[in-house]
């Protein structure tokens, strides 16, 4: 496995890439350049937000996820589908049908993550009740938001709630239970997340708050959608009427922006979705403007996880489906609160270690050299037109100036500077 696939969740297919600037202009961390007519990702600046995957009109940006063939190495296979999966097949398909079909696609066990979402909601309330620290406390659910804070807002990392997301907690519990029940070695159990976004793969391969993820991989909803749909059409629905599994309406709601906070007793909460709005709200937190807010839910995908780039259904239609499911299953708690309190005291939900800051690398590790290069960048900026057109292969003039100072680009890359010298 290459470093790229091990530590990141996206790659560029050079055969499909035509060198347009959609991905480059949309990247919030300026991690993409156009070189020799093809997009190039500077992985040291990439946070795996998936905006390039969402914006590319030519499908040249590809996710790096687990293949179903990879599951063969496990003796016992478990699927933990994101509740987003329930939103992909219309209002007439029930969660029970989807879970039933999944179990007949090569998995020995399927677990409804919505249950654990509800448990984690209760654990969050317990934490807020017992920790009257600096506010707002920030959700740890979205792995991209956590990495964004680690990279761009390291001063806020201590505000991230030290509770692992539901997918990890579900895998942690299942690995232990299945190992004991079936007498199977924990390492022979493959636990796979069915995911709406590729960023989950990064959190599995390189977790920030634990030594090792409890998950073994993540399969894209997009990759298994067609097979699920075909099997649903062939399923005898009447056979499922007596085996309908109880599903948590609160947990299902986690798929949408605001779903995590909707069932909480705390009212001074905010939910934000989308890359730019998330960055803006974190800037406000850093500036001390949200001290009266108890809890901040940030999701990098628009409208929440239902807007993930690896989904199939239009996110607004998916939102309608989720709202219907919430009405059907209700939004009253179904978990045993006493059990959650016990697990909380046992630190079942807790981070194994704190999240360390990891700001983007500066111009140079040597302070004196970095100041010299910063002055060079400022002088180069005076020569550039400030049009931020992207024709040079960098997203804006400031980034081009930095690339020139770093020695990876030159002034001739700017089409306007070329024109000025030609006229003279």
Protein backbone atom coordinates (compact mmCIF):
# COMPACT_ATOMS: atom_id res chain seq x y z
CA UNK A 1 0.00 0.00 0.00
CA UNK A 2 1.45 3.39 -0.99
CA UNK A 3 1.83 6.35 1.35
CA UNK A 4 -0.88 8.15 -0.62
CA UNK A 5 -3.47 5.40 -0.23
CA UNK A 6 -2.47 4.72 3.35
CA UNK A 7 -2.80 8.27 4.65
CA UNK A 8 -5.27 9.93 2.29
CA UNK A 9 -8.63 9.09 0.81
CA UNK A 10 -8.49 10.63 -2.67
CA UNK A 11 -6.32 10.42 -5.76
CA UNK A 12 -6.25 11.90 -9.25
CA UNK A 13 -6.91 9.69 -12.25
CA UNK A 14 -4.53 11.23 -14.78
CA UNK A 15 -6.32 9.59 -17.70
CA UNK A 16 -9.59 11.33 -16.86
CA UNK A 17 -8.18 14.66 -15.70
CA UNK A 18 -8.28 17.40 -18.37
CA UNK A 19 -6.58 20.06 -16.26
CA UNK A 20 -9.62 22.24 -15.57
CA UNK A 21 -9.43 24.27 -12.36
CA UNK A 22 -12.66 23.20 -10.63
CA UNK A 23 -10.92 21.13 -7.96
CA UNK A 24 -8.07 23.60 -7.50
CA UNK A 25 -10.32 26.62 -6.97
CA UNK A 26 -12.62 24.69 -4.62
CA UNK A 27 -9.91 23.32 -2.33
CA UNK A 28 -10.18 25.11 1.04
CA UNK A 29 -6.54 24.48 1.98
CA UNK A 30 -5.04 25.29 -1.45
CA UNK A 31 -3.64 21.79 -1.74
CA UNK A 32 -4.13 21.34 -5.51
CA UNK A 33 -2.07 22.64 -8.44
CA UNK A 34 -2.33 22.14 -12.18
CA UNK A 35 0.97 20.86 -13.51
CA UNK A 36 1.56 19.77 -17.11
CA UNK A 37 -2.16 19.95 -17.76
CA UNK A 38 -3.13 17.66 -14.86
CA UNK A 39 -4.28 18.21 -11.29
CA UNK A 40 -1.70 17.41 -8.63
CA UNK A 41 -2.53 17.07 -4.93
CA UNK A 42 -0.01 18.40 -2.43
CA UNK A 43 -0.88 15.85 0.22
CA UNK A 44 0.94 17.65 3.02
CA UNK A 45 -1.80 20.31 2.78
CA UNK A 46 -4.75 17.97 2.14
CA UNK A 47 -7.37 17.43 4.87
CA UNK A 48 -9.43 14.96 2.80
CA UNK A 49 -12.55 17.13 2.86
CA UNK A 50 -13.70 15.69 -0.48
CA UNK A 51 -14.55 19.04 -2.10
CA UNK A 52 -12.44 18.13 -5.14
CA UNK A 53 -14.28 14.82 -5.38
CA UNK A 54 -17.58 16.68 -5.26
CA UNK A 55 -16.61 19.39 -7.75
CA UNK A 56 -14.83 17.44 -10.50
CA UNK A 57 -17.16 17.20 -13.52
CA UNK A 58 -15.04 14.49 -15.16
CA UNK A 59 -14.85 11.94 -12.30
CA UNK A 60 -11.08 12.36 -12.34
CA UNK A 61 -10.88 12.60 -8.55
CA UNK A 62 -11.36 9.12 -7.14
CA UNK A 63 -11.96 7.95 -3.58
CA UNK A 64 -9.67 5.40 -1.95
CA UNK A 65 -11.89 3.00 -0.02
CA UNK A 66 -12.08 -0.68 0.85
CA UNK A 67 -13.03 -3.14 -1.90
CA UNK A 68 -15.45 -5.98 -1.17
CA UNK A 69 -12.75 -8.39 -2.35
CA UNK A 70 -10.57 -7.21 0.54
CA UNK A 71 -12.98 -8.81 3.00
CA UNK A 72 -11.86 -12.33 2.06
CA UNK A 73 -9.00 -12.18 4.56
CA UNK A 74 -11.44 -12.15 7.50
CA UNK A 75 -13.12 -15.23 8.96
CA UNK A 76 -16.09 -13.23 10.24
CA UNK A 77 -17.35 -10.12 8.48
CA UNK A 78 -19.41 -7.32 10.04
CA UNK A 79 -21.05 -4.34 8.34
CA UNK A 80 -21.83 -1.11 10.18
CA UNK A 81 -23.80 0.98 7.69
CA UNK A 82 -24.05 4.71 8.26
CA UNK A 83 -27.72 5.66 8.75
CA UNK A 84 -27.23 7.69 5.56
CA UNK A 85 -27.75 4.40 3.71
CA UNK A 86 -31.42 4.45 4.80
CA UNK A 87 -31.93 7.66 2.81
CA UNK A 88 -30.76 6.31 -0.55
CA UNK A 89 -33.61 4.04 -1.66
CA UNK A 90 -36.77 6.12 -1.38
CA UNK A 91 -39.51 6.30 1.22
CA UNK A 92 -40.94 2.83 0.51
CA UNK A 93 -37.80 0.95 1.54
CA UNK A 94 -37.40 0.34 5.28
CA UNK A 95 -34.15 0.15 7.25
CA UNK A 96 -35.00 -3.50 8.00
CA UNK A 97 -34.97 -4.35 4.29
CA UNK A 98 -31.62 -2.63 3.80
CA UNK A 99 -30.04 -4.38 6.78
CA UNK A 100 -31.50 -7.72 5.65
CA UNK A 101 -30.08 -7.30 2.15
CA UNK A 102 -26.65 -6.32 3.49
CA UNK A 103 -26.46 -9.50 5.54
CA UNK A 104 -26.97 -11.52 2.36
CA UNK A 105 -24.15 -9.73 0.56
CA UNK A 106 -21.37 -11.63 2.28
CA UNK A 107 -21.59 -10.24 5.81
CA UNK A 108 -22.06 -12.50 8.81
CA UNK A 109 -23.50 -9.72 10.94
CA UNK A 110 -24.97 -6.27 10.31
CA UNK A 111 -25.29 -3.63 13.01
CA UNK A 112 -27.58 -0.59 12.93
CA UNK A 113 -25.29 2.37 13.69
CA UNK A 114 -28.33 4.53 14.54
CA UNK A 115 -28.50 2.71 17.89
CA UNK A 116 -24.98 3.76 18.82
CA UNK A 117 -25.67 7.31 17.60
CA UNK A 118 -28.37 7.56 20.24
CA UNK A 119 -26.04 6.18 22.90
CA UNK A 120 -23.35 8.69 21.98
CA UNK A 121 -25.95 11.51 22.14
CA UNK A 122 -26.60 10.54 25.75
CA UNK A 123 -22.86 10.31 26.46
CA UNK A 124 -22.40 13.84 25.09
CA UNK A 125 -25.08 15.16 27.47
CA UNK A 126 -23.36 13.41 30.39
CA UNK A 127 -20.06 15.02 29.41
CA UNK A 128 -21.58 18.51 29.11
CA UNK A 129 -23.29 18.10 32.49
CA UNK A 130 -20.03 17.19 34.19
CA UNK A 131 -17.55 19.48 32.44
CA UNK A 132 -18.29 23.17 32.84
CA UNK A 133 -15.19 24.17 30.91
CA UNK A 134 -14.62 26.74 28.17
CA UNK A 135 -17.40 26.78 25.61
CA UNK A 136 -18.39 25.90 22.99
CA UNK A 137 -17.56 22.21 23.07
CA UNK A 138 -17.06 21.04 19.47
CA UNK A 139 -18.36 17.74 18.03
CA UNK A 140 -15.80 15.06 17.13
CA UNK A 141 -18.11 13.20 14.72
CA UNK A 142 -16.75 14.52 11.41
CA UNK A 143 -13.12 13.41 10.92
CA UNK A 144 -12.45 16.25 8.48
CA UNK A 145 -13.52 18.89 11.01
CA UNK A 146 -11.19 17.35 13.59
CA UNK A 147 -8.29 17.46 11.12
CA UNK A 148 -9.24 21.00 10.07
CA UNK A 149 -8.97 22.10 13.69
CA UNK A 150 -5.71 20.22 14.13
CA UNK A 151 -4.28 21.96 11.06
CA UNK A 152 -5.81 25.44 10.87
CA UNK A 153 -7.19 26.05 14.37
CA UNK A 154 -4.85 24.19 16.74
CA UNK A 155 -5.79 26.48 19.64
CA UNK A 156 -9.32 24.99 19.52
CA UNK A 157 -8.32 21.34 19.74
CA UNK A 158 -8.99 21.20 23.51
CA UNK A 159 -12.61 22.22 22.81
CA UNK A 160 -13.20 19.02 20.80
CA UNK A 161 -15.33 16.69 22.89
CA UNK A 162 -13.15 13.68 23.84
CA UNK A 163 -15.80 11.16 22.81
CA UNK A 164 -15.26 8.83 19.87
CA UNK A 165 -17.84 8.87 17.04
CA UNK A 166 -20.60 6.21 16.90
CA UNK A 167 -18.97 4.18 14.11
CA UNK A 168 -15.89 3.56 16.26
CA UNK A 169 -17.87 2.82 19.41
CA UNK A 170 -20.08 0.36 17.55
CA UNK A 171 -17.01 -1.44 16.18
CA UNK A 172 -15.34 -1.49 19.60
CA UNK A 173 -18.38 -3.09 21.21
CA UNK A 174 -19.01 -5.57 18.38
CA UNK A 175 -15.44 -6.84 18.20
CA UNK A 176 -15.55 -7.71 21.89
CA UNK A 177 -19.04 -9.23 21.84
CA UNK A 178 -18.58 -11.31 18.68
CA UNK A 179 -15.17 -12.57 19.80
CA UNK A 180 -16.64 -13.80 23.09
CA UNK A 181 -19.87 -15.19 21.63
CA UNK A 182 -18.37 -17.08 18.67
CA UNK A 183 -14.93 -17.82 20.14
CA UNK A 184 -13.21 -15.99 17.30
CA UNK A 185 -9.92 -14.15 17.66
CA UNK A 186 -10.53 -10.36 17.49
CA UNK A 187 -8.09 -9.99 14.58
CA UNK A 188 -10.10 -12.49 12.51
CA UNK A 189 -13.17 -10.26 12.68
CA UNK A 190 -13.42 -7.71 9.86
CA UNK A 191 -15.61 -4.73 10.76
CA UNK A 192 -16.45 -2.49 7.82
CA UNK A 193 -18.16 0.89 7.79
CA UNK A 194 -20.55 1.59 4.90
CA UNK A 195 -19.70 5.23 4.36
CA UNK A 196 -21.01 8.33 2.57
CA UNK A 197 -17.55 9.94 2.49
CA UNK A 198 -13.98 8.82 1.85
CA UNK A 199 -12.61 10.74 4.85
CA UNK A 200 -13.70 7.88 7.12
CA UNK A 201 -10.94 5.82 5.49
CA UNK A 202 -8.32 8.29 6.72
CA UNK A 203 -9.69 8.18 10.26
CA UNK A 204 -9.41 4.38 10.10
CA UNK A 205 -5.89 4.25 8.69
CA UNK A 206 -4.55 7.12 10.77
CA UNK A 207 -6.77 7.85 13.80
CA UNK A 208 -5.96 10.98 15.78
CA UNK A 209 -7.26 10.05 19.22
CA UNK A 210 -6.54 6.33 19.51
CA UNK A 211 -3.66 3.96 18.83
CA UNK A 212 -5.63 1.89 16.34
CA UNK A 213 -9.09 2.16 14.82
CA UNK A 214 -11.64 -0.48 15.79
CA UNK A 215 -12.76 -0.52 12.15
CA UNK A 216 -10.94 -2.47 9.42
CA UNK A 217 -12.12 -0.51 6.41
CA UNK A 218 -14.85 1.53 4.75
CA UNK A 219 -16.90 0.69 1.67
CA UNK A 220 -18.48 3.48 -0.34
CA UNK A 221 -22.27 3.70 -0.46
CA UNK A 222 -21.83 4.49 -4.15
CA UNK A 223 -19.95 1.22 -4.75
CA UNK A 224 -22.62 -1.07 -3.26
CA UNK A 225 -25.74 0.92 -4.15
CA UNK A 226 -26.64 -0.97 -7.32
CA UNK A 227 -26.31 -4.40 -5.74
CA UNK A 228 -28.44 -3.38 -2.76
CA UNK A 229 -31.08 -1.91 -5.05
CA UNK A 230 -31.28 -5.08 -7.18
CA UNK A 231 -31.55 -7.29 -4.11
CA UNK A 232 -34.23 -5.08 -2.57
CA UNK A 233 -36.37 -5.52 -5.68
CA UNK A 234 -36.09 -9.31 -5.35
CA UNK A 235 -36.73 -9.40 -1.58
CA UNK A 236 -40.05 -10.77 -0.35
CA UNK A 237 -41.09 -7.88 1.87
CA UNK A 238 -43.73 -9.90 3.68
CA UNK A 239 -40.98 -12.06 5.21
CA UNK A 240 -39.63 -8.99 6.99
CA UNK A 241 -42.83 -7.89 8.71
CA UNK A 242 -42.22 -10.01 11.80
CA UNK A 243 -38.49 -9.33 11.91
CA UNK A 244 -38.55 -5.54 11.72
CA UNK A 245 -35.62 -4.39 13.78
CA UNK A 246 -36.16 -1.45 16.14
CA UNK A 247 -34.39 1.60 14.72
CA UNK A 248 -33.59 4.78 16.61
CA UNK A 249 -35.24 7.90 15.19
CA UNK A 250 -32.70 10.00 17.09
CA UNK A 251 -29.86 8.03 15.56
CA UNK A 252 -31.28 8.30 12.05
CA UNK A 253 -31.37 12.08 12.50
CA UNK A 254 -27.57 12.17 12.85
CA UNK A 255 -27.34 11.92 9.07
CA UNK A 256 -28.45 15.54 8.63
CA UNK A 257 -27.01 18.82 9.79
CA UNK A 258 -28.48 19.51 13.24
CA UNK A 259 -29.28 15.86 13.87
CA UNK A 260 -26.64 15.41 16.55
CA UNK A 261 -27.92 18.32 18.63
CA UNK A 262 -31.65 17.97 17.93
CA UNK A 263 -32.28 15.36 20.58
CA UNK A 264 -30.15 17.03 23.25
CA UNK A 265 -31.53 18.80 26.29
CA UNK A 266 -29.10 21.67 25.76
CA UNK A 267 -30.64 24.52 23.78
CA UNK A 268 -27.70 26.87 23.23
CA UNK A 269 -26.32 24.82 20.38
CA UNK A 270 -25.37 25.53 16.78
CA UNK A 271 -25.12 23.30 13.74
CA UNK A 272 -23.06 24.24 10.69
CA UNK A 273 -22.41 22.31 7.47
CA UNK A 274 -20.23 22.85 4.45
CA UNK A 275 -16.50 23.64 4.24
CA UNK A 276 -16.64 27.43 4.03
CA UNK A 277 -19.29 27.89 6.73
CA UNK A 278 -17.40 25.52 9.01
CA UNK A 279 -14.20 27.52 8.58
CA UNK A 280 -16.08 30.78 9.24
CA UNK A 281 -17.72 29.49 12.43
CA UNK A 282 -14.39 28.14 13.72
CA UNK A 283 -12.87 31.57 13.07
CA UNK A 284 -15.64 33.04 15.24
CA UNK A 285 -14.92 30.50 17.98
CA UNK A 286 -11.23 31.37 17.83
CA UNK A 287 -12.13 35.06 18.13
CA UNK A 288 -14.19 34.33 21.27
CA UNK A 289 -17.55 35.20 19.72
CA UNK A 290 -19.42 31.99 20.66
CA UNK A 291 -18.75 31.67 24.40
CA UNK A 292 -22.49 31.50 25.18
CA UNK A 293 -22.93 28.45 22.92
CA UNK A 294 -22.79 25.11 24.73
CA UNK A 295 -22.16 22.77 21.82
CA UNK A 296 -21.12 23.24 18.21
CA UNK A 297 -21.86 20.59 15.61
CA UNK A 298 -19.79 21.00 12.45
CA UNK A 299 -20.08 18.75 9.40
CA UNK A 300 -17.90 19.32 6.38
CA UNK A 301 -20.44 18.05 3.81
CA UNK A 302 -23.34 20.33 2.78
CA UNK A 303 -26.54 19.47 4.68
CA UNK A 304 -24.54 16.95 6.72
CA UNK A 305 -23.57 13.37 5.95
CA UNK A 306 -26.45 12.96 3.49
CA UNK A 307 -24.47 15.37 1.30
CA UNK A 308 -21.42 13.11 1.34
CA UNK A 309 -19.64 12.77 -2.02
CA UNK A 310 -19.96 8.96 -2.01
CA UNK A 311 -23.75 8.95 -1.84
CA UNK A 312 -26.08 8.41 -4.80
CA UNK A 313 -29.36 10.09 -3.95
CA UNK A 314 -29.88 13.84 -4.31
CA UNK A 315 -29.25 15.22 -0.83
CA UNK A 316 -32.54 17.10 -0.67
CA UNK A 317 -34.51 13.99 -1.56
CA UNK A 318 -32.42 12.07 0.98
CA UNK A 319 -33.29 14.71 3.57
CA UNK A 320 -36.99 14.20 2.87
CA UNK A 321 -36.61 10.43 3.29
CA UNK A 322 -34.81 10.86 6.61
CA UNK A 323 -37.48 13.22 7.90
CA UNK A 324 -40.11 10.62 7.08
CA UNK A 325 -38.16 7.86 8.84
CA UNK A 326 -37.80 10.06 11.91
CA UNK A 327 -41.57 10.49 12.03
CA UNK A 328 -42.08 6.75 11.67
CA UNK A 329 -39.60 5.72 14.37
CA UNK A 330 -40.06 8.72 16.64
CA UNK A 331 -37.50 10.88 18.38
CA UNK A 332 -37.85 9.60 21.91
CA UNK A 333 -34.86 7.93 23.50
CA UNK A 334 -34.88 4.15 23.35
CA UNK A 335 -31.50 3.41 24.93
CA UNK A 336 -31.04 2.42 28.55
CA UNK A 337 -29.65 5.63 30.07
CA UNK A 338 -28.27 3.74 33.07
CA UNK A 339 -26.20 1.56 30.74
CA UNK A 340 -24.78 4.64 29.02
CA UNK A 341 -23.90 6.17 32.40
CA UNK A 342 -22.09 2.98 33.39
CA UNK A 343 -20.16 2.83 30.12
CA UNK A 344 -19.30 6.53 30.42
CA UNK A 345 -17.82 5.96 33.89
CA UNK A 346 -15.81 3.07 32.48
CA UNK A 347 -14.45 5.49 29.82
CA UNK A 348 -15.89 3.31 27.06
CA UNK A 349 -16.60 6.38 24.88
CA UNK A 350 -13.43 8.32 25.70
CA UNK A 351 -10.45 9.27 23.56
CA UNK A 352 -7.37 7.22 24.30
CA UNK A 353 -5.21 10.33 24.04
CA UNK A 354 -5.63 14.01 23.24
CA UNK A 355 -5.42 15.41 19.72
CA UNK A 356 -2.08 17.05 19.06
CA UNK A 357 -1.69 20.19 16.94
CA UNK A 358 -0.32 19.67 13.47
CA UNK A 359 -0.22 23.00 11.66
CA UNK A 360 0.68 23.12 7.99
CA UNK A 361 4.43 23.36 7.37
CA UNK A 362 5.81 26.90 7.14
CA UNK A 363 8.00 28.30 4.39
CA UNK A 364 11.07 26.89 6.14
CA UNK A 365 11.91 25.19 9.42
CA UNK A 366 14.69 27.73 10.03
CA UNK A 367 13.15 30.95 11.35
CA UNK A 368 15.65 33.28 9.66
CA UNK A 369 15.24 31.51 6.32
CA UNK A 370 11.45 31.57 6.68
CA UNK A 371 11.50 35.36 7.20
CA UNK A 372 13.73 35.74 4.15
CA UNK A 373 11.30 33.68 2.05
CA UNK A 374 8.31 35.62 3.41
CA UNK A 375 9.93 38.87 2.26
CA UNK A 376 10.56 37.24 -1.11
CA UNK A 377 6.90 36.24 -1.32
CA UNK A 378 5.80 39.79 -0.57
CA UNK A 379 8.07 41.19 -3.27
CA UNK A 380 6.77 38.65 -5.79
CA UNK A 381 3.21 39.58 -4.90
CA UNK A 382 3.92 43.16 -6.03
CA UNK A 383 4.77 41.85 -9.49
CA UNK A 384 1.64 39.72 -9.85
CA UNK A 385 -1.68 41.13 -11.18
CA UNK A 386 -3.86 40.02 -8.26
CA UNK A 387 -6.49 38.56 -10.59
CA UNK A 388 -6.53 35.09 -8.92
CA UNK A 389 -7.48 33.57 -12.27
CA UNK A 390 -5.82 30.18 -11.75
CA UNK A 391 -4.29 30.13 -15.23
CA UNK A 392 -0.82 29.73 -13.69
CA UNK A 393 -1.76 26.40 -12.13
CA UNK A 394 -2.12 27.81 -8.61
CA UNK A 395 -5.48 28.80 -7.08
CA UNK A 396 -4.56 32.48 -6.55
CA UNK A 397 -1.70 34.96 -6.82
CA UNK A 398 -0.71 34.65 -3.16
CA UNK A 399 -0.30 30.88 -3.52
CA UNK A 400 1.72 31.30 -6.71
CA UNK A 401 3.99 33.80 -4.94
CA UNK A 402 4.53 31.27 -2.16
CA UNK A 403 5.26 28.50 -4.66
CA UNK A 404 7.83 30.73 -6.38
CA UNK A 405 9.46 31.53 -3.04
CA UNK A 406 9.60 27.79 -2.34
CA UNK A 407 11.23 27.20 -5.72
CA UNK A 408 8.46 25.00 -7.16
CA UNK A 409 7.10 27.61 -9.61
CA UNK A 410 8.38 30.71 -11.41
CA UNK A 411 7.12 34.09 -12.51
CA UNK A 412 6.79 32.89 -16.10
CA UNK A 413 3.86 30.71 -15.00
CA UNK A 414 1.73 33.87 -14.76
CA UNK A 415 0.24 34.58 -18.19
CA UNK A 416 -0.05 38.30 -17.40
CA UNK A 417 3.61 38.62 -16.41
CA UNK A 418 4.56 36.89 -19.67
CA UNK A 419 2.51 39.43 -21.58
CA UNK A 420 4.14 42.39 -19.81
CA UNK A 421 7.65 41.21 -20.65
CA UNK A 422 6.67 40.49 -24.27
CA UNK A 423 5.27 44.01 -24.71
CA UNK A 424 8.50 45.51 -23.41
